[in-house]
Amino acid sequence: MPKYIRFVTEFPQTVTGKIQKFKIREAMIEELGLAQAAKREMA
């Protein structure tokens, strides 16, 4: 069950059209102020 849901009109993509999930993740961490939580989960 997702904790946060965000609707967008487009996704960051590579030249070949694949969605860059890491860029979405980084943007949401910054926008929601979850830097501390991300460090705990990644460690």
PDB file of N, CA and C in Angstrom:
ATOM      1  N   MET A   1       0.847  -1.170   0.000  1.00  0.00           N
ATOM      2  CA  MET A   1       0.000   0.000   0.000  1.00  0.00           C
ATOM      3  C   MET A   1       0.897   1.240   0.000  1.00  0.00           C
ATOM      4  N   PRO A   2       0.816   2.084  -1.032  1.00  0.00           N
ATOM      5  CA  PRO A   2       1.647   3.285  -1.078  1.00  0.00           C
ATOM      6  C   PRO A   2       1.265   4.275   0.018  1.00  0.00           C
ATOM      7  N   LYS A   3       2.271   4.944   0.518  1.00  0.00           N
ATOM      8  CA  LYS A   3       2.039   5.957   1.545  1.00  0.00           C
ATOM      9  C   LYS A   3       1.669   7.288   0.908  1.00  0.00           C
ATOM     10  N   TYR A   4       2.267   7.602  -0.235  1.00  0.00           N
ATOM     11  CA  TYR A   4       2.011   8.850  -0.943  1.00  0.00           C
ATOM     12  C   TYR A   4       1.646   8.542  -2.384  1.00  0.00           C
ATOM     13  N   ILE A   5       0.723   9.330  -2.933  1.00  0.00           N
ATOM     14  CA  ILE A   5       0.335   9.192  -4.334  1.00  0.00           C
ATOM     15  C   ILE A   5       0.435  10.567  -4.978  1.00  0.00           C
ATOM     16  N   ARG A   6       1.054  10.630  -6.136  1.00  0.00           N
ATOM     17  CA  ARG A   6       1.204  11.892  -6.861  1.00  0.00           C
ATOM     18  C   ARG A   6       0.850  11.654  -8.306  1.00  0.00           C
ATOM     19  N   PHE A   7      -0.049  12.466  -8.847  1.00  0.00           N
ATOM     20  CA  PHE A   7      -0.432  12.358 -10.245  1.00  0.00           C
ATOM     21  C   PHE A   7       0.404  13.342 -11.065  1.00  0.00           C
ATOM     22  N   VAL A   8       0.961  12.869 -12.160  1.00  0.00           N
ATOM     23  CA  VAL A   8       1.794  13.699 -13.025  1.00  0.00           C
ATOM     24  C   VAL A   8       1.331  13.550 -14.475  1.00  0.00           C
ATOM     25  N   THR A   9       1.740  14.508 -15.303  1.00  0.00           N
ATOM     26  CA  THR A   9       1.353  14.446 -16.719  1.00  0.00           C
ATOM     27  C   THR A   9       2.383  13.712 -17.557  1.00  0.00           C
ATOM     28  N   GLU A  10       3.641  13.655 -17.094  1.00  0.00           N
ATOM     29  CA  GLU A  10       4.678  12.932 -17.836  1.00  0.00           C
ATOM     30  C   GLU A  10       5.754  12.436 -16.882  1.00  0.00           C
ATOM     31  N   PHE A  11       6.535  11.474 -17.348  1.00  0.00           N
ATOM     32  CA  PHE A  11       7.617  10.891 -16.569  1.00  0.00           C
ATOM     33  C   PHE A  11       8.953  11.202 -17.227  1.00  0.00           C
ATOM     34  N   PRO A  12      10.031  11.304 -16.423  1.00  0.00           N
ATOM     35  CA  PRO A  12      11.349  11.453 -17.030  1.00  0.00           C
ATOM     36  C   PRO A  12      11.710  10.151 -17.760  1.00  0.00           C
ATOM     37  N   GLN A  13      12.175  10.285 -19.010  1.00  0.00           N
ATOM     38  CA  GLN A  13      12.466   9.106 -19.812  1.00  0.00           C
ATOM     39  C   GLN A  13      13.857   9.176 -20.410  1.00  0.00           C
ATOM     40  N   THR A  14      14.369   7.998 -20.726  1.00  0.00           N
ATOM     41  CA  THR A  14      15.652   7.911 -21.427  1.00  0.00           C
ATOM     42  C   THR A  14      15.401   8.178 -22.908  1.00  0.00           C
ATOM     43  N   VAL A  15      16.459   8.189 -23.673  1.00  0.00           N
ATOM     44  CA  VAL A  15      16.346   8.400 -25.118  1.00  0.00           C
ATOM     45  C   VAL A  15      15.511   7.297 -25.762  1.00  0.00           C
ATOM     46  N   THR A  16      15.599   6.086 -25.219  1.00  0.00           N
ATOM     47  CA  THR A  16      14.859   4.954 -25.791  1.00  0.00           C
ATOM     48  C   THR A  16      13.424   4.870 -25.281  1.00  0.00           C
ATOM     49  N   GLY A  17      13.015   5.769 -24.367  1.00  0.00           N
ATOM     50  CA  GLY A  17      11.635   5.810 -23.901  1.00  0.00           C
ATOM     51  C   GLY A  17      11.361   5.091 -22.600  1.00  0.00           C
ATOM     52  N   LYS A  18      12.395   4.566 -21.953  1.00  0.00           N
ATOM     53  CA  LYS A  18      12.191   3.892 -20.668  1.00  0.00           C
ATOM     54  C   LYS A  18      12.046   4.931 -19.558  1.00  0.00           C
ATOM     55  N   ILE A  19      11.165   4.672 -18.618  1.00  0.00           N
ATOM     56  CA  ILE A  19      10.952   5.587 -17.502  1.00  0.00           C
ATOM     57  C   ILE A  19      12.123   5.496 -16.531  1.00  0.00           C
ATOM     58  N   GLN A  20      12.643   6.652 -16.130  1.00  0.00           N
ATOM     59  CA  GLN A  20      13.767   6.712 -15.193  1.00  0.00           C
ATOM     60  C   GLN A  20      13.226   6.771 -13.770  1.00  0.00           C
ATOM     61  N   LYS A  21      13.009   5.601 -13.187  1.00  0.00           N
ATOM     62  CA  LYS A  21      12.409   5.505 -11.857  1.00  0.00           C
ATOM     63  C   LYS A  21      13.261   6.153 -10.777  1.00  0.00           C
ATOM     64  N   PHE A  22      14.585   6.091 -10.930  1.00  0.00           N
ATOM     65  CA  PHE A  22      15.447   6.691  -9.921  1.00  0.00           C
ATOM     66  C   PHE A  22      15.274   8.206  -9.874  1.00  0.00           C
ATOM     67  N   LYS A  23      14.999   8.840 -11.005  1.00  0.00           N
ATOM     68  CA  LYS A  23      14.780  10.289 -11.016  1.00  0.00           C
ATOM     69  C   LYS A  23      13.458  10.639 -10.346  1.00  0.00           C
ATOM     70  N   ILE A  24      12.441   9.814 -10.539  1.00  0.00           N
ATOM     71  CA  ILE A  24      11.157  10.030  -9.872  1.00  0.00           C
ATOM     72  C   ILE A  24      11.357   9.906  -8.369  1.00  0.00           C
ATOM     73  N   ARG A  25      12.075   8.876  -7.946  1.00  0.00           N
ATOM     74  CA  ARG A  25      12.335   8.636  -6.525  1.00  0.00           C
ATOM     75  C   ARG A  25      13.082   9.817  -5.897  1.00  0.00           C
ATOM     76  N   GLU A  26      14.137  10.292  -6.578  1.00  0.00           N
ATOM     77  CA  GLU A  26      14.924  11.418  -6.059  1.00  0.00           C
ATOM     78  C   GLU A  26      14.081  12.684  -5.940  1.00  0.00           C
ATOM     79  N   ALA A  27      13.246  12.957  -6.932  1.00  0.00           N
ATOM     80  CA  ALA A  27      12.407  14.155  -6.918  1.00  0.00           C
ATOM     81  C   ALA A  27      11.399  14.110  -5.775  1.00  0.00           C
ATOM     82  N   MET A  28      10.797  12.951  -5.538  1.00  0.00           N
ATOM     83  CA  MET A  28       9.802  12.845  -4.476  1.00  0.00           C
ATOM     84  C   MET A  28      10.446  12.920  -3.086  1.00  0.00           C
ATOM     85  N   ILE A  29      11.630  12.360  -2.946  1.00  0.00           N
ATOM     86  CA  ILE A  29      12.345  12.456  -1.672  1.00  0.00           C
ATOM     87  C   ILE A  29      12.605  13.920  -1.350  1.00  0.00           C
ATOM     88  N   GLU A  30      13.050  14.676  -2.350  1.00  0.00           N
ATOM     89  CA  GLU A  30      13.337  16.091  -2.137  1.00  0.00           C
ATOM     90  C   GLU A  30      12.047  16.887  -1.892  1.00  0.00           C
ATOM     91  N   GLU A  31      11.032  16.644  -2.698  1.00  0.00           N
ATOM     92  CA  GLU A  31       9.787  17.405  -2.598  1.00  0.00           C
ATOM     93  C   GLU A  31       9.051  17.153  -1.280  1.00  0.00           C
ATOM     94  N   LEU A  32       9.065  15.925  -0.810  1.00  0.00           N
ATOM     95  CA  LEU A  32       8.337  15.590   0.415  1.00  0.00           C
ATOM     96  C   LEU A  32       9.196  15.721   1.667  1.00  0.00           C
ATOM     97  N   GLY A  33      10.462  16.071   1.497  1.00  0.00           N
ATOM     98  CA  GLY A  33      11.342  16.233   2.648  1.00  0.00           C
ATOM     99  C   GLY A  33      11.618  14.926   3.357  1.00  0.00           C
ATOM    100  N   LEU A  34      11.851  13.872   2.604  1.00  0.00           N
ATOM    101  CA  LEU A  34      12.049  12.549   3.174  1.00  0.00           C
ATOM    102  C   LEU A  34      13.510  12.097   3.137  1.00  0.00           C
ATOM    103  N   ALA A  35      14.434  13.031   3.133  1.00  0.00           N
ATOM    104  CA  ALA A  35      15.850  12.679   3.019  1.00  0.00           C
ATOM    105  C   ALA A  35      16.299  11.781   4.162  1.00  0.00           C
ATOM    106  N   GLN A  36      15.900  12.073   5.381  1.00  0.00           N
ATOM    107  CA  GLN A  36      16.284  11.250   6.520  1.00  0.00           C
ATOM    108  C   GLN A  36      15.699   9.839   6.423  1.00  0.00           C
ATOM    109  N   ALA A  37      14.446   9.749   6.024  1.00  0.00           N
ATOM    110  CA  ALA A  37      13.805   8.435   5.890  1.00  0.00           C
ATOM    111  C   ALA A  37      14.474   7.628   4.783  1.00  0.00           C
ATOM    112  N   ALA A  38      14.858   8.282   3.693  1.00  0.00           N
ATOM    113  CA  ALA A  38      15.496   7.586   2.576  1.00  0.00           C
ATOM    114  C   ALA A  38      16.862   7.048   3.003  1.00  0.00           C
ATOM    115  N   LYS A  39      17.594   7.800   3.815  1.00  0.00           N
ATOM    116  CA  LYS A  39      18.903   7.329   4.273  1.00  0.00           C
ATOM    117  C   LYS A  39      18.755   6.087   5.144  1.00  0.00           C
ATOM    118  N   ARG A  40      17.739   6.059   6.002  1.00  0.00           N
ATOM    119  CA  ARG A  40      17.513   4.896   6.855  1.00  0.00           C
ATOM    120  C   ARG A  40      17.150   3.673   6.030  1.00  0.00           C
ATOM    121  N   GLU A  41      16.289   3.826   5.039  1.00  0.00           N
ATOM    122  CA  GLU A  41      15.849   2.693   4.233  1.00  0.00           C
ATOM    123  C   GLU A  41      16.951   2.170   3.325  1.00  0.00           C
ATOM    124  N   MET A  42      17.807   3.043   2.817  1.00  0.00           N
ATOM    125  CA  MET A  42      18.860   2.643   1.904  1.00  0.00           C
ATOM    126  C   MET A  42      20.017   1.978   2.627  1.00  0.00           C
ATOM    127  N   ALA A  43      20.207   2.301   3.886  1.00  0.00           N
ATOM    128  CA  ALA A  43      21.356   1.788   4.643  1.00  0.00           C
ATOM    129  C   ALA A  43      21.243   0.323   4.965  1.00  0.00           C
TER     130      ALA A  43
END
